[in-house]
Amino acid sequence: MSPATPSAIMFRNEMWRSAPAGILDTAYTTFGMIVAVQVFAASDAAKAVFLSSPRAGMIAAIFVVPLLLRMRSTVAQTAAVTQLVGAGCFALAALFPGSEVMFITGISFGFILFALQIPLMTQLYRTNYPREKRGRLYAITSITRSLGAALFSWAAGWLLGWKMDSYPWLLWVFALMAFISGWLTYGLPATPWEVPESEDQRLWRSWRWVREDRDFRTLLISWMMMGVGNLIAYSLFVEYLANPAHGIALGAEQVALLTGVVPLVARLASSYHWGVLFDHAPFFVVRITLNLITAASILCFYLGDNHWWWGSGMALSGLSLAGGNVAWALFVTKLAPEHAVAEYMSVHTFLTGIRGVLAPFLAYGMVEWWSFTTMAWVCAGLVVAASGFIAVRKKGERIGGREVRPELSDDEAL
């Protein structure tokens, strides 16, 4: 790629942005819950609010695309503004480190705002990355993102293990990383939003694609089944290991190692290969494979009773997340015409948000009545059922080929 091309600019800024984004990931996956459990002894309701906050942002994302149409802004600028305001929310939590209310509120609103820009970033990937390299380029930045998260997880886990009262420093780091991420996003190619004047601009306009696109509809239903099972199990990883009420009560350093470092190392080792598979393998086959790995990770983690089983489960989780992140972020680029990518993605993120908001509350409700073992079997069963749904829907149809369908340009679509 020539240094002056939009693809090169996009890739360069995404590489610089990937490490700060990876550090921010740890606020949600590991350290936010460690602080909530071991510093504030937060209630189940407060923890569920925190865990569901990014998904609430995904629900709100359904309105971002039509609002962008009305504002006539650029995609990159809108995505950057949401991240910069999110940085302010993280800073608010850091300013009042002793307040559980400010901690939950600031961190939660920060993640809500960061979730709003997901469809916009997917639109930028579709516009600026070449089709034949899109998965690999995204995977390379994911590797750097995972490396940043893994190194930070190790260092921050050691810091909290040494002195739990040092957690306010982490909050300031998260605020700084959010600001850097927004600043680098602002420098991405300023793709304007261009759509025919006659195009429907209602806030719910994106839903028409669910009715018109059978492949899209099939994947959304399957993803809902898989996502509910996966997110319920995912919500309780740190809870299961860190909360003394469940009989394990590992220290912060061990929890950070198992739930932060181990899966991220697995993601580092496999992200590029998943990117290559995404570019060249039949997508439905890739999605089914990822589902089966996810189901295995859930059973391995919750049915195991020692560090080796927990570590193996988290390694499998990292393996599935490596491919799942590429598939989740880019699959609509294989279905949608260029001008409709953000609309497809806004529907996808909306439904992800719905299950993501419900999953933490369902998770804590399930373990209130059931054992972790029963919960694990139910979650794994949902994930396997999602694969079966895809297989049944695609039976008798051609699954081969490089893409679900040929990638359409705007002119072809219109």
Protein backbone atom coordinates (compact mmCIF):
# COMPACT_ATOMS: atom_id res chain seq x y z
CA MET A 1 0.00 0.00 0.00
CA SER A 2 1.28 3.45 -0.93
CA PRO A 3 1.84 5.68 2.13
CA ALA A 4 -0.64 8.22 0.71
CA THR A 5 -3.55 5.87 0.07
CA PRO A 6 -6.62 5.80 2.35
CA SER A 7 -5.88 2.11 3.06
CA ALA A 8 -2.39 2.93 4.30
CA ILE A 9 -3.62 5.83 6.46
CA MET A 10 -6.37 3.65 7.90
CA PHE A 11 -3.97 0.81 8.68
CA ARG A 12 -1.33 3.11 10.19
CA ASN A 13 -3.75 4.85 12.55
CA GLU A 14 -5.43 1.57 13.50
CA MET A 15 -2.04 0.10 14.39
CA TRP A 16 -1.31 3.06 16.67
CA ARG A 17 -4.82 2.91 18.13
CA SER A 18 -4.80 -0.83 18.74
CA ALA A 19 -2.70 -0.87 21.93
CA PRO A 20 -4.77 1.82 23.72
CA ALA A 21 -7.93 0.01 22.62
CA GLY A 22 -6.55 -3.27 24.00
CA ILE A 23 -5.80 -1.65 27.36
CA LEU A 24 -9.36 -0.31 27.44
CA ASP A 25 -10.64 -3.85 26.80
CA THR A 26 -9.15 -4.96 30.11
CA ALA A 27 -11.27 -2.40 31.98
CA TYR A 28 -14.34 -4.34 30.93
CA THR A 29 -13.05 -7.90 30.78
CA THR A 30 -11.01 -8.00 33.99
CA PHE A 31 -10.17 -4.98 36.10
CA GLY A 32 -13.55 -3.30 36.29
CA MET A 33 -15.01 -6.46 37.78
CA ILE A 34 -12.03 -7.00 40.11
CA VAL A 35 -12.49 -3.49 41.52
CA ALA A 36 -16.26 -3.92 41.74
CA VAL A 37 -15.96 -7.25 43.58
CA GLN A 38 -12.88 -6.80 45.77
CA VAL A 39 -12.88 -3.02 46.45
CA PHE A 40 -16.54 -2.07 46.57
CA ALA A 41 -18.14 -5.49 47.19
CA ALA A 42 -20.72 -4.29 44.68
CA SER A 43 -24.18 -5.80 44.58
CA ASP A 44 -25.20 -8.21 41.82
CA ALA A 45 -27.38 -5.46 40.32
CA ALA A 46 -24.47 -2.99 40.19
CA LYS A 47 -22.19 -5.58 38.60
CA ALA A 48 -24.86 -6.46 36.07
CA VAL A 49 -25.25 -2.77 35.16
CA PHE A 50 -21.50 -2.48 34.62
CA LEU A 51 -21.33 -5.66 32.52
CA SER A 52 -24.30 -4.65 30.38
CA SER A 53 -23.14 -1.07 29.70
CA PRO A 54 -21.31 -1.67 26.38
CA ARG A 55 -24.35 -3.59 25.15
CA ALA A 56 -26.62 -0.67 26.04
CA GLY A 57 -24.43 1.43 23.77
CA MET A 58 -24.86 -1.14 21.02
CA ILE A 59 -28.63 -0.85 21.34
CA ALA A 60 -28.38 2.92 20.97
CA ALA A 61 -26.14 2.47 17.92
CA ILE A 62 -29.18 1.63 15.80
CA PHE A 63 -29.93 5.38 15.81
CA VAL A 64 -26.38 6.52 14.94
CA VAL A 65 -26.55 5.95 11.18
CA PRO A 66 -29.80 7.86 10.46
CA LEU A 67 -28.68 10.66 12.79
CA LEU A 68 -25.39 10.84 10.90
CA LEU A 69 -27.37 11.16 7.68
CA ARG A 70 -29.14 14.18 9.10
CA MET A 71 -26.00 15.80 10.49
CA ARG A 72 -24.04 15.38 7.24
CA SER A 73 -20.93 14.71 9.28
CA THR A 74 -18.09 12.39 8.32
CA VAL A 75 -17.93 8.84 9.61
CA ALA A 76 -14.48 9.23 11.21
CA GLN A 77 -15.31 12.48 12.99
CA THR A 78 -18.51 11.09 14.49
CA ALA A 79 -16.71 7.95 15.70
CA ALA A 80 -13.94 10.08 17.21
CA VAL A 81 -16.31 12.39 19.09
CA THR A 82 -18.07 9.49 20.81
CA GLN A 83 -14.69 8.15 22.00
CA LEU A 84 -13.49 11.51 23.27
CA VAL A 85 -16.67 12.04 25.30
CA GLY A 86 -16.21 8.49 26.58
CA ALA A 87 -12.73 9.45 27.75
CA GLY A 88 -14.32 12.20 29.83
CA CYS A 89 -16.58 9.63 31.50
CA PHE A 90 -13.59 7.45 32.43
CA ALA A 91 -11.89 10.55 33.84
CA LEU A 92 -15.00 11.24 35.94
CA ALA A 93 -14.65 7.82 37.56
CA ALA A 94 -10.97 8.53 38.22
CA LEU A 95 -11.75 11.87 39.89
CA PHE A 96 -13.94 10.15 42.52
CA PRO A 97 -12.14 6.84 43.10
CA GLY A 98 -13.70 6.19 46.49
CA SER A 99 -17.29 6.38 45.25
CA GLU A 100 -18.91 3.18 44.03
CA VAL A 101 -21.69 5.18 42.36
CA MET A 102 -19.23 7.36 40.40
CA PHE A 103 -17.12 4.32 39.52
CA ILE A 104 -20.05 2.35 38.10
CA THR A 105 -21.58 5.44 36.45
CA GLY A 106 -18.38 6.79 34.85
CA ILE A 107 -17.08 3.47 33.57
CA SER A 108 -20.50 2.37 32.33
CA PHE A 109 -21.22 5.56 30.39
CA GLY A 110 -17.71 5.44 28.95
CA PHE A 111 -18.35 1.99 27.51
CA ILE A 112 -21.79 3.01 26.27
CA LEU A 113 -20.22 5.81 24.24
CA PHE A 114 -17.45 3.60 22.89
CA ALA A 115 -20.03 1.09 21.69
CA LEU A 116 -21.81 3.75 19.63
CA GLN A 117 -18.95 4.01 17.16
CA ILE A 118 -18.79 0.31 16.22
CA PRO A 119 -20.99 0.49 13.08
CA LEU A 120 -19.08 3.57 11.95
CA MET A 121 -15.71 1.81 12.27
CA THR A 122 -17.05 -1.13 10.25
CA GLN A 123 -18.09 1.31 7.53
CA LEU A 124 -14.52 2.66 7.49
CA TYR A 125 -13.06 -0.86 7.23
CA ARG A 126 -15.34 -1.62 4.27
CA THR A 127 -14.53 1.65 2.52
CA ASN A 128 -10.77 1.81 3.11
CA TYR A 129 -9.52 -1.79 3.32
CA PRO A 130 -9.29 -3.82 0.09
CA ARG A 131 -11.66 -6.78 -0.02
CA GLU A 132 -9.00 -9.46 -0.47
CA LYS A 133 -6.95 -8.26 2.53
CA ARG A 134 -9.63 -6.92 4.86
CA GLY A 135 -9.61 -9.83 7.31
CA ARG A 136 -5.82 -9.98 7.50
CA LEU A 137 -5.37 -6.24 8.03
CA TYR A 138 -7.98 -6.26 10.77
CA ALA A 139 -6.35 -9.33 12.33
CA ILE A 140 -2.91 -7.69 12.39
CA THR A 141 -4.27 -4.73 14.36
CA SER A 142 -6.09 -7.22 16.61
CA ILE A 143 -2.75 -8.87 17.39
CA THR A 144 -1.29 -5.55 18.53
CA ARG A 145 -4.48 -4.88 20.49
CA SER A 146 -4.21 -8.26 22.22
CA LEU A 147 -0.51 -7.73 22.95
CA GLY A 148 -1.22 -4.37 24.59
CA ALA A 149 -4.02 -5.90 26.63
CA ALA A 150 -1.92 -8.89 27.70
CA LEU A 151 1.04 -6.79 28.84
CA PHE A 152 -1.22 -4.36 30.67
CA SER A 153 -3.15 -7.22 32.29
CA TRP A 154 0.07 -8.67 33.64
CA ALA A 155 1.36 -5.31 34.94
CA ALA A 156 -1.97 -4.13 36.37
CA GLY A 157 -2.62 -7.52 37.93
CA TRP A 158 0.76 -7.37 39.67
CA LEU A 159 -0.01 -3.80 40.82
CA LEU A 160 -3.37 -4.74 42.33
CA GLY A 161 -1.90 -7.88 43.86
CA TRP A 162 0.76 -5.74 45.52
CA LYS A 163 -1.61 -3.00 46.67
CA MET A 164 -5.31 -3.01 45.88
CA ASP A 165 -5.62 0.64 46.92
CA SER A 166 -3.61 1.61 43.82
CA TYR A 167 -6.60 0.97 41.53
CA PRO A 168 -7.25 4.74 40.93
CA TRP A 169 -4.10 4.77 38.77
CA LEU A 170 -5.78 2.27 36.48
CA LEU A 171 -8.78 4.55 36.06
CA TRP A 172 -6.56 7.41 34.90
CA VAL A 173 -4.81 5.07 32.46
CA PHE A 174 -8.17 4.06 31.00
CA ALA A 175 -9.16 7.72 30.59
CA LEU A 176 -5.87 8.51 28.82
CA MET A 177 -6.16 5.49 26.51
CA ALA A 178 -9.71 6.48 25.57
CA PHE A 179 -8.53 10.00 24.66
CA ILE A 180 -5.66 8.65 22.53
CA SER A 181 -8.05 6.27 20.76
CA GLY A 182 -10.43 9.12 19.93
CA TRP A 183 -7.61 11.37 18.72
CA LEU A 184 -6.28 8.69 16.38
CA THR A 185 -9.76 7.90 15.09
CA TYR A 186 -10.21 11.58 14.22
CA GLY A 187 -7.20 11.24 11.91
CA LEU A 188 -8.72 8.40 9.87
CA PRO A 189 -9.75 9.08 6.25
CA ALA A 190 -12.72 11.46 6.46
CA THR A 191 -15.26 9.35 4.61
CA PRO A 192 -18.37 11.48 3.96
CA TRP A 193 -21.78 9.89 4.21
CA GLU A 194 -23.22 9.85 0.71
CA VAL A 195 -26.69 8.47 0.02
CA PRO A 196 -29.37 9.38 -2.51
CA GLU A 197 -31.66 12.18 -1.38
CA SER A 198 -34.67 9.93 -1.89
CA GLU A 199 -33.35 7.35 0.58
CA ASP A 200 -35.53 6.68 3.62
CA GLN A 201 -34.03 8.46 6.66
CA ARG A 202 -36.27 7.16 9.44
CA LEU A 203 -34.48 6.09 12.61
CA TRP A 204 -35.51 2.45 12.12
CA ARG A 205 -34.70 2.36 8.40
CA SER A 206 -31.88 -0.18 8.84
CA TRP A 207 -34.32 -2.97 9.74
CA ARG A 208 -35.47 -3.33 6.15
CA TRP A 209 -32.34 -5.36 5.44
CA VAL A 210 -33.47 -8.09 7.85
CA ARG A 211 -36.58 -8.59 5.76
CA GLU A 212 -34.82 -8.41 2.41
CA ASP A 213 -31.64 -10.43 3.07
CA ARG A 214 -32.11 -14.11 3.96
CA ASP A 215 -28.41 -14.80 4.71
CA PHE A 216 -28.30 -11.79 7.01
CA ARG A 217 -31.45 -12.95 8.78
CA THR A 218 -30.06 -16.49 9.22
CA LEU A 219 -26.83 -15.22 10.76
CA LEU A 220 -28.63 -12.81 13.09
CA ILE A 221 -30.83 -15.59 14.50
CA SER A 222 -27.87 -17.92 14.96
CA TRP A 223 -25.77 -15.18 16.53
CA MET A 224 -28.54 -14.44 19.00
CA MET A 225 -28.64 -18.07 20.16
CA MET A 226 -24.85 -18.33 20.39
CA GLY A 227 -24.45 -14.88 21.93
CA VAL A 228 -26.88 -15.44 24.78
CA GLY A 229 -25.11 -18.63 25.82
CA ASN A 230 -21.63 -17.20 25.39
CA LEU A 231 -22.32 -13.90 27.14
CA ILE A 232 -23.97 -15.51 30.15
CA ALA A 233 -20.90 -17.72 30.66
CA TYR A 234 -18.51 -14.87 29.84
CA SER A 235 -20.15 -12.56 32.40
CA LEU A 236 -19.24 -14.90 35.25
CA PHE A 237 -15.59 -15.76 34.53
CA VAL A 238 -14.16 -13.24 37.00
CA GLU A 239 -17.06 -13.67 39.43
CA TYR A 240 -16.53 -17.44 39.55
CA LEU A 241 -12.82 -17.16 40.38
CA ALA A 242 -12.74 -14.00 42.52
CA ASN A 243 -15.83 -14.09 44.74
CA PRO A 244 -15.30 -16.07 47.98
CA ALA A 245 -18.98 -16.99 47.96
CA HIS A 246 -18.29 -19.53 45.23
CA GLY A 247 -15.52 -21.30 47.12
CA ILE A 248 -12.48 -20.41 44.99
CA ALA A 249 -11.52 -16.80 45.86
CA LEU A 250 -8.30 -16.41 43.87
CA GLY A 251 -6.26 -13.24 44.35
CA ALA A 252 -6.35 -10.36 41.88
CA GLU A 253 -3.02 -11.33 40.32
CA GLN A 254 -4.17 -14.90 39.61
CA VAL A 255 -7.55 -13.79 38.31
CA ALA A 256 -5.87 -11.27 35.98
CA LEU A 257 -3.49 -13.98 34.74
CA LEU A 258 -6.24 -16.50 34.01
CA THR A 259 -8.95 -14.21 32.63
CA GLY A 260 -6.71 -11.53 31.14
CA VAL A 261 -3.31 -12.83 30.07
CA VAL A 262 -4.10 -16.45 29.08
CA PRO A 263 -6.93 -15.71 26.59
CA LEU A 264 -5.03 -12.77 25.16
CA VAL A 265 -1.96 -14.91 24.49
CA ALA A 266 -4.21 -17.37 22.67
CA ARG A 267 -5.64 -14.49 20.65
CA LEU A 268 -2.15 -13.30 19.79
CA ALA A 269 -1.17 -16.72 18.50
CA SER A 270 -4.26 -17.22 16.34
CA SER A 271 -5.63 -13.84 15.21
CA TYR A 272 -3.72 -13.65 11.92
CA HIS A 273 -4.73 -17.17 10.93
CA TRP A 274 -8.39 -16.37 11.59
CA GLY A 275 -8.00 -13.27 9.41
CA VAL A 276 -6.70 -15.40 6.54
CA LEU A 277 -9.57 -17.87 7.00
CA PHE A 278 -12.07 -15.03 6.99
CA ASP A 279 -10.71 -13.78 3.66
CA HIS A 280 -10.69 -17.17 1.94
CA ALA A 281 -12.82 -19.80 3.73
CA PRO A 282 -16.63 -20.19 3.50
CA PHE A 283 -17.99 -17.90 6.19
CA PHE A 284 -20.71 -20.22 7.49
CA VAL A 285 -18.12 -22.95 8.06
CA VAL A 286 -15.88 -20.50 9.94
CA ARG A 287 -18.81 -19.44 12.13
CA ILE A 288 -19.77 -23.03 12.99
CA THR A 289 -16.16 -23.87 13.88
CA LEU A 290 -15.95 -20.86 16.19
CA ASN A 291 -19.19 -21.87 17.90
CA LEU A 292 -17.89 -25.36 18.68
CA ILE A 293 -14.66 -23.96 20.15
CA THR A 294 -16.72 -21.55 22.27
CA ALA A 295 -18.87 -24.38 23.63
CA ALA A 296 -15.74 -26.37 24.52
CA SER A 297 -14.23 -23.38 26.35
CA ILE A 298 -17.35 -22.94 28.52
CA LEU A 299 -17.46 -26.60 29.55
CA CYS A 300 -13.71 -26.77 30.16
CA PHE A 301 -13.73 -23.69 32.41
CA TYR A 302 -16.80 -24.34 34.55
CA LEU A 303 -16.55 -28.11 34.79
CA GLY A 304 -12.85 -28.02 35.71
CA ASP A 305 -11.66 -27.77 39.29
CA ASN A 306 -8.08 -26.53 39.10
CA HIS A 307 -5.84 -23.95 37.46
CA TRP A 308 -5.07 -26.18 34.46
CA TRP A 309 -8.73 -26.61 33.56
CA TRP A 310 -9.50 -22.93 34.10
CA GLY A 311 -6.47 -21.92 32.07
CA SER A 312 -7.37 -24.35 29.26
CA GLY A 313 -10.92 -23.00 29.18
CA MET A 314 -9.68 -19.43 28.97
CA ALA A 315 -7.17 -20.37 26.25
CA LEU A 316 -9.98 -21.88 24.18
CA SER A 317 -12.03 -18.77 24.90
CA GLY A 318 -9.19 -16.61 23.59
CA LEU A 319 -8.91 -18.81 20.49
CA SER A 320 -12.62 -18.41 19.74
CA LEU A 321 -12.53 -14.68 20.52
CA ALA A 322 -9.67 -14.16 18.07
CA GLY A 323 -11.74 -15.48 15.20
CA GLY A 324 -15.00 -14.25 16.65
CA ASN A 325 -13.82 -10.65 16.76
CA VAL A 326 -12.85 -10.72 13.09
CA ALA A 327 -16.11 -12.42 12.12
CA TRP A 328 -18.26 -10.18 14.33
CA ALA A 329 -16.70 -6.94 13.12
CA LEU A 330 -16.44 -7.72 9.41
CA PHE A 331 -19.03 -10.28 8.38
CA VAL A 332 -21.47 -7.62 7.17
CA THR A 333 -18.84 -6.45 4.66
CA LYS A 334 -19.44 -9.76 2.87
CA LEU A 335 -23.18 -9.18 2.70
CA ALA A 336 -23.88 -5.48 2.30
CA PRO A 337 -23.32 -3.00 -0.54
CA GLU A 338 -20.81 -0.36 0.48
CA HIS A 339 -23.31 2.38 1.26
CA ALA A 340 -25.31 0.03 3.56
CA VAL A 341 -22.51 -1.51 5.65
CA ALA A 342 -23.08 0.76 8.66
CA GLU A 343 -26.82 0.05 8.50
CA TYR A 344 -26.27 -3.71 8.49
CA MET A 345 -23.81 -3.34 11.34
CA SER A 346 -26.15 -1.11 13.35
CA VAL A 347 -28.80 -3.88 13.29
CA HIS A 348 -26.16 -6.46 14.24
CA THR A 349 -24.86 -4.34 17.13
CA PHE A 350 -28.41 -3.53 18.26
CA LEU A 351 -29.22 -7.23 18.65
CA THR A 352 -25.83 -7.83 20.28
CA GLY A 353 -26.71 -5.05 22.71
CA ILE A 354 -30.08 -6.61 23.53
CA ARG A 355 -28.55 -9.95 24.49
CA GLY A 356 -25.61 -8.23 26.13
CA VAL A 357 -27.87 -6.18 28.42
CA LEU A 358 -29.94 -9.23 29.35
CA ALA A 359 -27.07 -11.71 29.73
CA PRO A 360 -25.51 -10.42 33.00
CA PHE A 361 -28.91 -10.30 34.70
CA LEU A 362 -29.73 -13.78 33.39
CA ALA A 363 -26.31 -14.98 34.52
CA TYR A 364 -26.72 -13.88 38.12
CA GLY A 365 -30.29 -15.12 38.14
CA MET A 366 -29.24 -18.55 36.86
CA VAL A 367 -26.51 -19.09 39.45
CA GLU A 368 -28.94 -17.99 42.15
CA TRP A 369 -31.08 -21.03 41.35
CA TRP A 370 -28.73 -23.40 39.52
CA SER A 371 -25.18 -24.61 40.01
CA PHE A 372 -22.37 -23.31 37.80
CA THR A 373 -22.22 -26.78 36.24
CA THR A 374 -25.87 -26.65 35.11
CA MET A 375 -25.41 -23.10 33.87
CA ALA A 376 -22.39 -24.20 31.81
CA TRP A 377 -24.28 -27.04 30.13
CA VAL A 378 -27.19 -24.76 29.26
CA CYS A 379 -24.87 -22.12 27.78
CA ALA A 380 -22.83 -24.64 25.79
CA GLY A 381 -26.06 -26.18 24.52
CA LEU A 382 -27.24 -22.83 23.17
CA VAL A 383 -23.94 -22.31 21.37
CA VAL A 384 -24.07 -25.77 19.75
CA ALA A 385 -27.73 -25.23 18.80
CA ALA A 386 -26.72 -22.04 16.97
CA SER A 387 -24.37 -24.10 14.78
CA GLY A 388 -27.14 -26.59 14.10
CA PHE A 389 -29.45 -23.78 13.03
CA ILE A 390 -26.94 -22.54 10.45
CA ALA A 391 -26.34 -26.07 9.16
CA VAL A 392 -30.07 -26.76 8.75
CA ARG A 393 -30.75 -23.41 7.06
CA LYS A 394 -27.87 -23.88 4.63
CA LYS A 395 -28.58 -27.55 3.87
CA GLY A 396 -28.87 -28.05 0.15
CA GLU A 397 -27.37 -24.62 -0.58
CA ARG A 398 -23.89 -23.90 -1.84
CA ILE A 399 -21.67 -22.96 1.12
CA GLY A 400 -18.39 -22.88 -0.78
CA GLY A 401 -16.69 -19.90 -2.31
CA ARG A 402 -14.66 -17.06 -0.96
CA GLU A 403 -17.63 -15.03 0.23
CA VAL A 404 -21.25 -15.51 1.19
CA ARG A 405 -22.07 -13.59 -1.97
CA PRO A 406 -20.12 -11.35 -4.36
CA GLU A 407 -19.34 -8.01 -2.79
CA LEU A 408 -21.54 -5.34 -4.35
CA SER A 409 -20.65 -1.78 -5.13
CA ASP A 410 -23.10 1.03 -4.55
CA ASP A 411 -23.87 1.26 -8.28
CA GLU A 412 -24.61 -2.47 -8.50
CA ALA A 413 -26.77 -2.35 -5.39
CA LEU A 414 -28.77 0.62 -6.61
